All heavy atoms as atom14 arrays in JSON, in Angstrom:
{
  "sequence": "DAYLVEIANKKELAMIYDEEFTRDSFRKVLSAISNKELLSSPTKAES",
  "atom14_mask": [
    [1, 1, 1, 1, 1, 1, 1, 1, 0, 0, 0, 0, 0, 0],
    [1, 1, 1, 1, 1, 0, 0, 0, 0, 0, 0, 0, 0, 0],
    [1, 1, 1, 1, 1, 1, 1, 1, 1, 1, 1, 1, 0, 0],
    [1, 1, 1, 1, 1, 1, 1, 1, 0, 0, 0, 0, 0, 0],
    [1, 1, 1, 1, 1, 1, 1, 0, 0, 0, 0, 0, 0, 0],
    [1, 1, 1, 1, 1, 1, 1, 1, 1, 0, 0, 0, 0, 0],
    [1, 1, 1, 1, 1, 1, 1, 1, 0, 0, 0, 0, 0, 0],
    [1, 1, 1, 1, 1, 0, 0, 0, 0, 0, 0, 0, 0, 0],
    [1, 1, 1, 1, 1, 1, 1, 1, 0, 0, 0, 0, 0, 0],
    [1, 1, 1, 1, 1, 1, 1, 1, 1, 0, 0, 0, 0, 0],
    [1, 1, 1, 1, 1, 1, 1, 1, 1, 0, 0, 0, 0, 0],
    [1, 1, 1, 1, 1, 1, 1, 1, 1, 0, 0, 0, 0, 0],
    [1, 1, 1, 1, 1, 1, 1, 1, 0, 0, 0, 0, 0, 0],
    [1, 1, 1, 1, 1, 0, 0, 0, 0, 0, 0, 0, 0, 0],
    [1, 1, 1, 1, 1, 1, 1, 1, 0, 0, 0, 0, 0, 0],
    [1, 1, 1, 1, 1, 1, 1, 1, 0, 0, 0, 0, 0, 0],
    [1, 1, 1, 1, 1, 1, 1, 1, 1, 1, 1, 1, 0, 0],
    [1, 1, 1, 1, 1, 1, 1, 1, 0, 0, 0, 0, 0, 0],
    [1, 1, 1, 1, 1, 1, 1, 1, 1, 0, 0, 0, 0, 0],
    [1, 1, 1, 1, 1, 1, 1, 1, 1, 0, 0, 0, 0, 0],
    [1, 1, 1, 1, 1, 1, 1, 1, 1, 1, 1, 0, 0, 0],
    [1, 1, 1, 1, 1, 1, 1, 0, 0, 0, 0, 0, 0, 0],
    [1, 1, 1, 1, 1, 1, 1, 1, 1, 1, 1, 0, 0, 0],
    [1, 1, 1, 1, 1, 1, 1, 1, 0, 0, 0, 0, 0, 0],
    [1, 1, 1, 1, 1, 1, 0, 0, 0, 0, 0, 0, 0, 0],
    [1, 1, 1, 1, 1, 1, 1, 1, 1, 1, 1, 0, 0, 0],
    [1, 1, 1, 1, 1, 1, 1, 1, 1, 1, 1, 0, 0, 0],
    [1, 1, 1, 1, 1, 1, 1, 1, 1, 0, 0, 0, 0, 0],
    [1, 1, 1, 1, 1, 1, 1, 0, 0, 0, 0, 0, 0, 0],
    [1, 1, 1, 1, 1, 1, 1, 1, 0, 0, 0, 0, 0, 0],
    [1, 1, 1, 1, 1, 1, 0, 0, 0, 0, 0, 0, 0, 0],
    [1, 1, 1, 1, 1, 0, 0, 0, 0, 0, 0, 0, 0, 0],
    [1, 1, 1, 1, 1, 1, 1, 1, 0, 0, 0, 0, 0, 0],
    [1, 1, 1, 1, 1, 1, 0, 0, 0, 0, 0, 0, 0, 0],
    [1, 1, 1, 1, 1, 1, 1, 1, 0, 0, 0, 0, 0, 0],
    [1, 1, 1, 1, 1, 1, 1, 1, 1, 0, 0, 0, 0, 0],
    [1, 1, 1, 1, 1, 1, 1, 1, 1, 0, 0, 0, 0, 0],
    [1, 1, 1, 1, 1, 1, 1, 1, 0, 0, 0, 0, 0, 0],
    [1, 1, 1, 1, 1, 1, 1, 1, 0, 0, 0, 0, 0, 0],
    [1, 1, 1, 1, 1, 1, 0, 0, 0, 0, 0, 0, 0, 0],
    [1, 1, 1, 1, 1, 1, 0, 0, 0, 0, 0, 0, 0, 0],
    [1, 1, 1, 1, 1, 1, 1, 0, 0, 0, 0, 0, 0, 0],
    [1, 1, 1, 1, 1, 1, 1, 0, 0, 0, 0, 0, 0, 0],
    [1, 1, 1, 1, 1, 1, 1, 1, 1, 0, 0, 0, 0, 0],
    [1, 1, 1, 1, 1, 0, 0, 0, 0, 0, 0, 0, 0, 0],
    [1, 1, 1, 1, 1, 1, 1, 1, 1, 0, 0, 0, 0, 0],
    [1, 1, 1, 1, 1, 1, 0, 0, 0, 0, 0, 0, 0, 0]
  ],
  "atom14_positions": [
    [[93.08, 18.48, -20.29], [91.66, 18.78, -20.36], [91.42, 20.16, -20.98], [90.43, 20.37, -21.67], [91.03, 18.68, -18.97], [89.54, 18.43, -19.05], [89.12, 17.52, -19.8], [88.78, 19.16, -18.37], [0.0, 0.0, 0.0], [0.0, 0.0, 0.0], [0.0, 0.0, 0.0], [0.0, 0.0, 0.0], [0.0, 0.0, 0.0], [0.0, 0.0, 0.0]],
    [[92.34, 21.08, -20.74], [92.2, 22.43, -21.31], [92.15, 22.39, -22.83], [91.43, 23.19, -23.45], [93.35, 23.32, -20.85], [0.0, 0.0, 0.0], [0.0, 0.0, 0.0], [0.0, 0.0, 0.0], [0.0, 0.0, 0.0], [0.0, 0.0, 0.0], [0.0, 0.0, 0.0], [0.0, 0.0, 0.0], [0.0, 0.0, 0.0], [0.0, 0.0, 0.0]],
    [[92.88, 21.47, -23.44], [92.86, 21.32, -24.9], [91.47, 20.86, -25.36], [90.93, 21.35, -26.34], [93.95, 20.35, -25.35], [94.06, 20.23, -26.85], [94.65, 21.23, -27.61], [93.56, 19.11, -27.52], [94.76, 21.14, -28.99], [93.66, 19.0, -28.9], [94.26, 20.02, -29.63], [94.36, 19.92, -31.0], [0.0, 0.0, 0.0], [0.0, 0.0, 0.0]],
    [[90.89, 19.91, -24.63], [89.57, 19.4, -24.99], [88.51, 20.48, -24.83], [87.61, 20.6, -25.66], [89.24, 18.18, -24.12], [90.27, 17.04, -24.16], [89.83, 15.92, -23.25], [90.53, 16.57, -25.57], [0.0, 0.0, 0.0], [0.0, 0.0, 0.0], [0.0, 0.0, 0.0], [0.0, 0.0, 0.0], [0.0, 0.0, 0.0], [0.0, 0.0, 0.0]],
    [[88.63, 21.28, -23.77], [87.71, 22.4, -23.56], [87.86, 23.41, -24.68], [86.86, 23.95, -25.19], [87.94, 23.05, -22.17], [87.17, 24.35, -22.03], [87.57, 22.07, -21.06], [0.0, 0.0, 0.0], [0.0, 0.0, 0.0], [0.0, 0.0, 0.0], [0.0, 0.0, 0.0], [0.0, 0.0, 0.0], [0.0, 0.0, 0.0], [0.0, 0.0, 0.0]],
    [[89.1, 23.67, -25.09], [89.35, 24.61, -26.18], [88.64, 24.17, -27.46], [87.99, 24.98, -28.14], [90.86, 24.74, -26.44], [91.2, 25.69, -27.55], [92.7, 25.75, -27.85], [93.51, 25.23, -27.07], [93.04, 26.33, -28.9], [0.0, 0.0, 0.0], [0.0, 0.0, 0.0], [0.0, 0.0, 0.0], [0.0, 0.0, 0.0], [0.0, 0.0, 0.0]],
    [[88.74, 22.89, -27.78], [88.06, 22.4, -28.98], [86.54, 22.53, -28.8], [85.85, 23.05, -29.67], [88.41, 20.93, -29.29], [89.9, 20.74, -29.52], [87.64, 20.46, -30.54], [90.32, 19.28, -29.61], [0.0, 0.0, 0.0], [0.0, 0.0, 0.0], [0.0, 0.0, 0.0], [0.0, 0.0, 0.0], [0.0, 0.0, 0.0], [0.0, 0.0, 0.0]],
    [[86.04, 22.04, -27.68], [84.6, 22.04, -27.43], [84.01, 23.44, -27.5], [82.85, 23.6, -27.9], [84.3, 21.4, -26.08], [0.0, 0.0, 0.0], [0.0, 0.0, 0.0], [0.0, 0.0, 0.0], [0.0, 0.0, 0.0], [0.0, 0.0, 0.0], [0.0, 0.0, 0.0], [0.0, 0.0, 0.0], [0.0, 0.0, 0.0], [0.0, 0.0, 0.0]],
    [[84.78, 24.44, -27.12], [84.28, 25.81, -27.1], [84.39, 26.53, -28.45], [83.95, 27.68, -28.56], [85.02, 26.63, -26.04], [84.54, 26.28, -24.65], [83.43, 25.81, -24.45], [85.41, 26.49, -23.67], [0.0, 0.0, 0.0], [0.0, 0.0, 0.0], [0.0, 0.0, 0.0], [0.0, 0.0, 0.0], [0.0, 0.0, 0.0], [0.0, 0.0, 0.0]],
    [[84.94, 25.88, -29.46], [85.05, 26.52, -30.77], [83.65, 26.83, -31.31], [82.75, 25.99, -31.29], [85.78, 25.61, -31.76], [87.26, 25.44, -31.46], [87.99, 26.73, -31.72], [89.47, 26.58, -31.57], [90.18, 27.83, -31.75], [0.0, 0.0, 0.0], [0.0, 0.0, 0.0], [0.0, 0.0, 0.0], [0.0, 0.0, 0.0], [0.0, 0.0, 0.0]],
    [[83.49, 28.05, -31.8], [82.18, 28.48, -32.31], [81.71, 27.61, -33.48], [80.51, 27.46, -33.71], [82.2, 29.95, -32.67], [83.07, 30.29, -33.87], [83.01, 31.79, -34.17], [83.63, 32.21, -35.39], [84.8, 32.17, -35.92], [0.0, 0.0, 0.0], [0.0, 0.0, 0.0], [0.0, 0.0, 0.0], [0.0, 0.0, 0.0], [0.0, 0.0, 0.0]],
    [[82.65, 27.02, -34.2], [82.29, 26.17, -35.35], [81.53, 24.92, -34.92], [80.89, 24.27, -35.74], [83.54, 25.76, -36.13], [84.26, 26.91, -36.79], [85.28, 27.61, -35.91], [85.38, 27.29, -34.7], [85.99, 28.48, -36.44], [0.0, 0.0, 0.0], [0.0, 0.0, 0.0], [0.0, 0.0, 0.0], [0.0, 0.0, 0.0], [0.0, 0.0, 0.0]],
    [[81.62, 24.56, -33.65], [80.93, 23.35, -33.17], [79.58, 23.65, -32.54], [78.85, 22.72, -32.2], [81.83, 22.6, -32.18], [83.1, 22.02, -32.78], [83.96, 21.39, -31.7], [82.77, 21.01, -33.86], [0.0, 0.0, 0.0], [0.0, 0.0, 0.0], [0.0, 0.0, 0.0], [0.0, 0.0, 0.0], [0.0, 0.0, 0.0], [0.0, 0.0, 0.0]],
    [[79.24, 24.91, -32.38], [77.99, 25.28, -31.71], [76.77, 24.6, -32.33], [75.83, 24.24, -31.61], [77.82, 26.79, -31.71], [0.0, 0.0, 0.0], [0.0, 0.0, 0.0], [0.0, 0.0, 0.0], [0.0, 0.0, 0.0], [0.0, 0.0, 0.0], [0.0, 0.0, 0.0], [0.0, 0.0, 0.0], [0.0, 0.0, 0.0], [0.0, 0.0, 0.0]],
    [[76.8, 24.39, -33.64], [75.63, 23.82, -34.32], [75.37, 22.36, -33.96], [74.26, 21.87, -34.15], [75.79, 23.95, -35.83], [75.82, 25.39, -36.29], [75.72, 25.51, -38.06], [73.98, 25.87, -38.22], [0.0, 0.0, 0.0], [0.0, 0.0, 0.0], [0.0, 0.0, 0.0], [0.0, 0.0, 0.0], [0.0, 0.0, 0.0], [0.0, 0.0, 0.0]],
    [[76.37, 21.65, -33.46], [76.15, 20.23, -33.14], [75.61, 20.03, -31.73], [75.2, 18.93, -31.38], [77.43, 19.38, -33.34], [78.48, 19.67, -32.28], [77.97, 19.54, -34.75], [79.66, 18.69, -32.28], [0.0, 0.0, 0.0], [0.0, 0.0, 0.0], [0.0, 0.0, 0.0], [0.0, 0.0, 0.0], [0.0, 0.0, 0.0], [0.0, 0.0, 0.0]],
    [[75.59, 21.09, -30.94], [75.15, 20.97, -29.55], [73.64, 21.13, -29.43], [73.03, 21.94, -30.11], [75.86, 22.0, -28.66], [77.36, 21.85, -28.66], [78.19, 22.95, -28.75], [77.96, 20.6, -28.58], [79.57, 22.83, -28.74], [79.33, 20.45, -28.58], [80.14, 21.57, -28.67], [81.5, 21.44, -28.67], [0.0, 0.0, 0.0], [0.0, 0.0, 0.0]],
    [[73.07, 20.32, -28.56], [71.66, 20.39, -28.24], [71.48, 19.92, -26.8], [72.45, 19.81, -26.06], [70.82, 19.58, -29.24], [71.21, 18.11, -29.31], [71.77, 17.56, -28.33], [70.96, 17.48, -30.35], [0.0, 0.0, 0.0], [0.0, 0.0, 0.0], [0.0, 0.0, 0.0], [0.0, 0.0, 0.0], [0.0, 0.0, 0.0], [0.0, 0.0, 0.0]],
    [[70.26, 19.6, -26.41], [69.99, 19.18, -25.03], [70.66, 17.85, -24.69], [71.06, 17.63, -23.55], [68.48, 19.09, -24.79], [67.81, 20.44, -24.84], [66.34, 20.36, -25.2], [65.81, 19.25, -25.4], [65.72, 21.43, -25.29], [0.0, 0.0, 0.0], [0.0, 0.0, 0.0], [0.0, 0.0, 0.0], [0.0, 0.0, 0.0], [0.0, 0.0, 0.0]],
    [[70.78, 16.97, -25.66], [71.36, 15.64, -25.41], [72.87, 15.63, -25.57], [73.56, 14.8, -24.97], [70.74, 14.61, -26.36], [71.18, 13.21, -26.06], [70.67, 12.17, -27.03], [70.12, 12.52, -28.08], [70.86, 10.97, -26.73], [0.0, 0.0, 0.0], [0.0, 0.0, 0.0], [0.0, 0.0, 0.0], [0.0, 0.0, 0.0], [0.0, 0.0, 0.0]],
    [[73.4, 16.54, -26.36], [74.84, 16.56, -26.63], [75.33, 18.0, -26.51], [75.09, 18.82, -27.39], [75.14, 16.0, -28.03], [76.6, 15.76, -28.27], [77.23, 14.64, -27.78], [77.36, 16.67, -28.99], [78.59, 14.42, -27.99], [78.71, 16.47, -29.22], [79.32, 15.33, -28.71], [0.0, 0.0, 0.0], [0.0, 0.0, 0.0], [0.0, 0.0, 0.0]],
    [[76.01, 18.28, -25.41], [76.44, 19.64, -25.07], [77.96, 19.78, -25.24], [78.64, 18.8, -25.53], [76.08, 19.95, -23.62], [76.82, 19.06, -22.76], [74.58, 19.8, -23.36], [0.0, 0.0, 0.0], [0.0, 0.0, 0.0], [0.0, 0.0, 0.0], [0.0, 0.0, 0.0], [0.0, 0.0, 0.0], [0.0, 0.0, 0.0], [0.0, 0.0, 0.0]],
    [[78.44, 20.99, -25.0], [79.9, 21.21, -24.98], [80.56, 20.29, -23.97], [81.63, 19.74, -24.22], [80.23, 22.66, -24.62], [80.07, 23.63, -25.74], [80.4, 25.06, -25.27], [80.34, 25.96, -26.4], [79.23, 26.49, -26.89], [78.07, 26.21, -26.33], [79.27, 27.29, -27.92], [0.0, 0.0, 0.0], [0.0, 0.0, 0.0], [0.0, 0.0, 0.0]],
    [[79.91, 20.12, -22.83], [80.47, 19.24, -21.81], [80.45, 17.79, -22.28], [81.36, 17.01, -21.96], [79.73, 19.4, -20.48], [80.48, 18.68, -19.37], [81.69, 18.98, -19.17], [79.87, 17.82, -18.71], [0.0, 0.0, 0.0], [0.0, 0.0, 0.0], [0.0, 0.0, 0.0], [0.0, 0.0, 0.0], [0.0, 0.0, 0.0], [0.0, 0.0, 0.0]],
    [[79.44, 17.4, -23.05], [79.4, 16.05, -23.61], [80.61, 15.82, -24.51], [81.27, 14.77, -24.43], [78.13, 15.85, -24.45], [76.97, 15.96, -23.67], [0.0, 0.0, 0.0], [0.0, 0.0, 0.0], [0.0, 0.0, 0.0], [0.0, 0.0, 0.0], [0.0, 0.0, 0.0], [0.0, 0.0, 0.0], [0.0, 0.0, 0.0], [0.0, 0.0, 0.0]],
    [[80.88, 16.79, -25.36], [82.02, 16.72, -26.27], [83.31, 16.5, -25.48], [84.08, 15.59, -25.73], [82.09, 18.02, -27.08], [83.1, 18.03, -28.2], [82.7, 17.77, -29.5], [84.43, 18.31, -27.95], [83.62, 17.8, -30.55], [85.36, 18.33, -28.98], [84.95, 18.07, -30.28], [0.0, 0.0, 0.0], [0.0, 0.0, 0.0], [0.0, 0.0, 0.0]],
    [[83.53, 17.35, -24.48], [84.74, 17.26, -23.65], [84.78, 15.95, -22.88], [85.8, 15.29, -22.81], [84.79, 18.45, -22.68], [86.06, 18.49, -21.85], [85.87, 19.04, -20.47], [84.75, 18.5, -19.72], [84.75, 17.34, -19.07], [85.81, 16.56, -19.08], [83.68, 16.93, -18.41], [0.0, 0.0, 0.0], [0.0, 0.0, 0.0], [0.0, 0.0, 0.0]],
    [[83.64, 15.56, -22.31], [83.55, 14.34, -21.51], [83.93, 13.1, -22.33], [84.69, 12.25, -21.87], [82.14, 14.2, -20.94], [81.9, 12.93, -20.13], [80.51, 12.94, -19.51], [79.6, 12.05, -20.27], [78.27, 11.87, -19.63], [0.0, 0.0, 0.0], [0.0, 0.0, 0.0], [0.0, 0.0, 0.0], [0.0, 0.0, 0.0], [0.0, 0.0, 0.0]],
    [[83.42, 13.03, -23.54], [83.71, 11.88, -24.41], [85.2, 11.84, -24.75], [85.85, 10.79, -24.63], [82.86, 11.92, -25.7], [83.35, 10.91, -26.72], [81.39, 11.7, -25.37], [0.0, 0.0, 0.0], [0.0, 0.0, 0.0], [0.0, 0.0, 0.0], [0.0, 0.0, 0.0], [0.0, 0.0, 0.0], [0.0, 0.0, 0.0], [0.0, 0.0, 0.0]],
    [[85.75, 12.97, -25.18], [87.17, 12.98, -25.54], [88.06, 12.72, -24.33], [89.09, 12.05, -24.43], [87.55, 14.28, -26.23], [86.86, 14.54, -27.58], [87.42, 15.8, -28.22], [86.97, 13.36, -28.52], [0.0, 0.0, 0.0], [0.0, 0.0, 0.0], [0.0, 0.0, 0.0], [0.0, 0.0, 0.0], [0.0, 0.0, 0.0], [0.0, 0.0, 0.0]],
    [[87.65, 13.21, -23.18], [88.41, 12.96, -21.96], [88.41, 11.48, -21.62], [89.45, 10.91, -21.26], [87.83, 13.78, -20.8], [88.56, 13.56, -19.63], [0.0, 0.0, 0.0], [0.0, 0.0, 0.0], [0.0, 0.0, 0.0], [0.0, 0.0, 0.0], [0.0, 0.0, 0.0], [0.0, 0.0, 0.0], [0.0, 0.0, 0.0], [0.0, 0.0, 0.0]],
    [[87.26, 10.84, -21.71], [87.18, 9.4, -21.43], [88.06, 8.61, -22.4], [88.78, 7.7, -21.98], [85.72, 8.93, -21.53], [0.0, 0.0, 0.0], [0.0, 0.0, 0.0], [0.0, 0.0, 0.0], [0.0, 0.0, 0.0], [0.0, 0.0, 0.0], [0.0, 0.0, 0.0], [0.0, 0.0, 0.0], [0.0, 0.0, 0.0], [0.0, 0.0, 0.0]],
    [[88.05, 8.98, -23.65], [88.89, 8.3, -24.64], [90.35, 8.51, -24.31], [91.14, 7.56, -24.3], [88.55, 8.78, -26.07], [87.16, 8.3, -26.47], [89.61, 8.31, -27.06], [86.62, 8.92, -27.74], [0.0, 0.0, 0.0], [0.0, 0.0, 0.0], [0.0, 0.0, 0.0], [0.0, 0.0, 0.0], [0.0, 0.0, 0.0], [0.0, 0.0, 0.0]],
    [[90.72, 9.73, -24.03], [92.11, 10.06, -23.71], [92.6, 9.31, -22.47], [93.74, 8.84, -22.42], [92.23, 11.57, -23.48], [93.53, 11.91, -23.06], [0.0, 0.0, 0.0], [0.0, 0.0, 0.0], [0.0, 0.0, 0.0], [0.0, 0.0, 0.0], [0.0, 0.0, 0.0], [0.0, 0.0, 0.0], [0.0, 0.0, 0.0], [0.0, 0.0, 0.0]],
    [[91.72, 9.17, -21.48], [92.08, 8.5, -20.23], [91.81, 7.0, -20.25], [91.95, 6.34, -19.22], [91.34, 9.16, -19.06], [91.8, 10.57, -18.84], [92.98, 10.88, -18.95], [90.85, 11.46, -18.55], [0.0, 0.0, 0.0], [0.0, 0.0, 0.0], [0.0, 0.0, 0.0], [0.0, 0.0, 0.0], [0.0, 0.0, 0.0], [0.0, 0.0, 0.0]],
    [[91.38, 6.5, -21.4], [91.08, 5.08, -21.57], [90.05, 4.58, -20.55], [90.19, 3.54, -19.92], [92.35, 4.25, -21.5], [93.43, 4.83, -22.4], [94.23, 3.84, -23.11], [95.27, 4.4, -24.02], [95.16, 5.7, -24.57], [0.0, 0.0, 0.0], [0.0, 0.0, 0.0], [0.0, 0.0, 0.0], [0.0, 0.0, 0.0], [0.0, 0.0, 0.0]],
    [[89.0, 5.4, -20.41], [87.93, 5.1, -19.47], [86.63, 4.9, -20.25], [86.47, 5.41, -21.36], [87.72, 6.26, -18.5], [88.91, 6.61, -17.67], [88.74, 7.93, -16.93], [87.8, 8.7, -17.22], [89.6, 8.18, -16.08], [0.0, 0.0, 0.0], [0.0, 0.0, 0.0], [0.0, 0.0, 0.0], [0.0, 0.0, 0.0], [0.0, 0.0, 0.0]],
    [[85.71, 4.19, -19.63], [84.38, 4.07, -20.2], [83.6, 5.32, -19.82], [83.86, 5.93, -18.78], [83.68, 2.83, -19.67], [84.27, 1.49, -20.09], [83.49, 0.36, -19.42], [84.25, 1.34, -21.6], [0.0, 0.0, 0.0], [0.0, 0.0, 0.0], [0.0, 0.0, 0.0], [0.0, 0.0, 0.0], [0.0, 0.0, 0.0], [0.0, 0.0, 0.0]],
    [[82.61, 5.67, -20.63], [81.74, 6.8, -20.31], [80.79, 6.39, -19.2], [80.25, 5.29, -19.22], [80.91, 7.2, -21.54], [81.61, 7.94, -22.65], [80.67, 8.11, -23.82], [82.1, 9.28, -22.17], [0.0, 0.0, 0.0], [0.0, 0.0, 0.0], [0.0, 0.0, 0.0], [0.0, 0.0, 0.0], [0.0, 0.0, 0.0], [0.0, 0.0, 0.0]],
    [[80.58, 7.27, -18.25], [79.6, 6.96, -17.21], [78.26, 7.57, -17.6], [78.18, 8.76, -17.94], [80.06, 7.49, -15.85], [80.1, 8.9, -15.86], [0.0, 0.0, 0.0], [0.0, 0.0, 0.0], [0.0, 0.0, 0.0], [0.0, 0.0, 0.0], [0.0, 0.0, 0.0], [0.0, 0.0, 0.0], [0.0, 0.0, 0.0], [0.0, 0.0, 0.0]],
    [[77.25, 6.75, -17.6], [75.88, 7.17, -17.92], [75.8, 8.01, -19.19], [75.26, 9.13, -19.18], [75.27, 7.94, -16.76], [75.35, 7.21, -15.57], [0.0, 0.0, 0.0], [0.0, 0.0, 0.0], [0.0, 0.0, 0.0], [0.0, 0.0, 0.0], [0.0, 0.0, 0.0], [0.0, 0.0, 0.0], [0.0, 0.0, 0.0], [0.0, 0.0, 0.0]],
    [[76.29, 7.5, -20.3], [76.27, 8.32, -21.53], [74.87, 8.42, -22.13], [74.05, 7.52, -22.0], [77.18, 7.54, -22.48], [77.04, 6.12, -22.04], [76.87, 6.19, -20.54], [0.0, 0.0, 0.0], [0.0, 0.0, 0.0], [0.0, 0.0, 0.0], [0.0, 0.0, 0.0], [0.0, 0.0, 0.0], [0.0, 0.0, 0.0], [0.0, 0.0, 0.0]],
    [[74.62, 9.54, -22.79], [73.41, 9.66, -23.6], [73.66, 8.9, -24.89], [74.8, 8.52, -25.2], [73.11, 11.14, -23.93], [74.16, 11.64, -24.76], [72.97, 11.99, -22.68], [0.0, 0.0, 0.0], [0.0, 0.0, 0.0], [0.0, 0.0, 0.0], [0.0, 0.0, 0.0], [0.0, 0.0, 0.0], [0.0, 0.0, 0.0], [0.0, 0.0, 0.0]],
    [[72.62, 8.7, -25.66], [72.77, 8.02, -26.95], [73.74, 8.8, -27.85], [74.58, 8.22, -28.52], [71.4, 7.88, -27.62], [71.41, 7.07, -28.89], [69.99, 6.89, -29.44], [70.01, 6.1, -30.71], [68.67, 5.93, -31.27], [0.0, 0.0, 0.0], [0.0, 0.0, 0.0], [0.0, 0.0, 0.0], [0.0, 0.0, 0.0], [0.0, 0.0, 0.0]],
    [[73.62, 10.11, -27.84], [74.49, 10.96, -28.68], [75.94, 10.87, -28.22], [76.86, 10.81, -29.04], [74.01, 12.41, -28.65], [0.0, 0.0, 0.0], [0.0, 0.0, 0.0], [0.0, 0.0, 0.0], [0.0, 0.0, 0.0], [0.0, 0.0, 0.0], [0.0, 0.0, 0.0], [0.0, 0.0, 0.0], [0.0, 0.0, 0.0], [0.0, 0.0, 0.0]],
    [[76.17, 10.86, -26.92], [77.53, 10.71, -26.4], [78.13, 9.36, -26.78], [79.29, 9.28, -27.18], [77.55, 10.88, -24.87], [77.28, 12.29, -24.43], [77.05, 12.42, -22.94], [76.84, 11.41, -22.24], [77.08, 13.57, -22.44], [0.0, 0.0, 0.0], [0.0, 0.0, 0.0], [0.0, 0.0, 0.0], [0.0, 0.0, 0.0], [0.0, 0.0, 0.0]],
    [[77.33, 8.31, -26.7], [77.8, 6.98, -27.1], [78.15, 6.95, -28.59], [79.17, 6.37, -28.98], [76.73, 5.92, -26.82], [76.54, 5.78, -25.44], [0.0, 0.0, 0.0], [0.0, 0.0, 0.0], [0.0, 0.0, 0.0], [0.0, 0.0, 0.0], [0.0, 0.0, 0.0], [0.0, 0.0, 0.0], [0.0, 0.0, 0.0], [0.0, 0.0, 0.0]]
  ]
}
């Protein structure tokens, strides 16, 4: 998870974040993919 947080926190990604898609959204999506899990209650942007 630390690797996913590291990517999500990169300043180059700041422009893609908004109220619907946050740093945590980025990490949450990649974590779900990595763990072969479905997203729980995803926003449209997360989906």
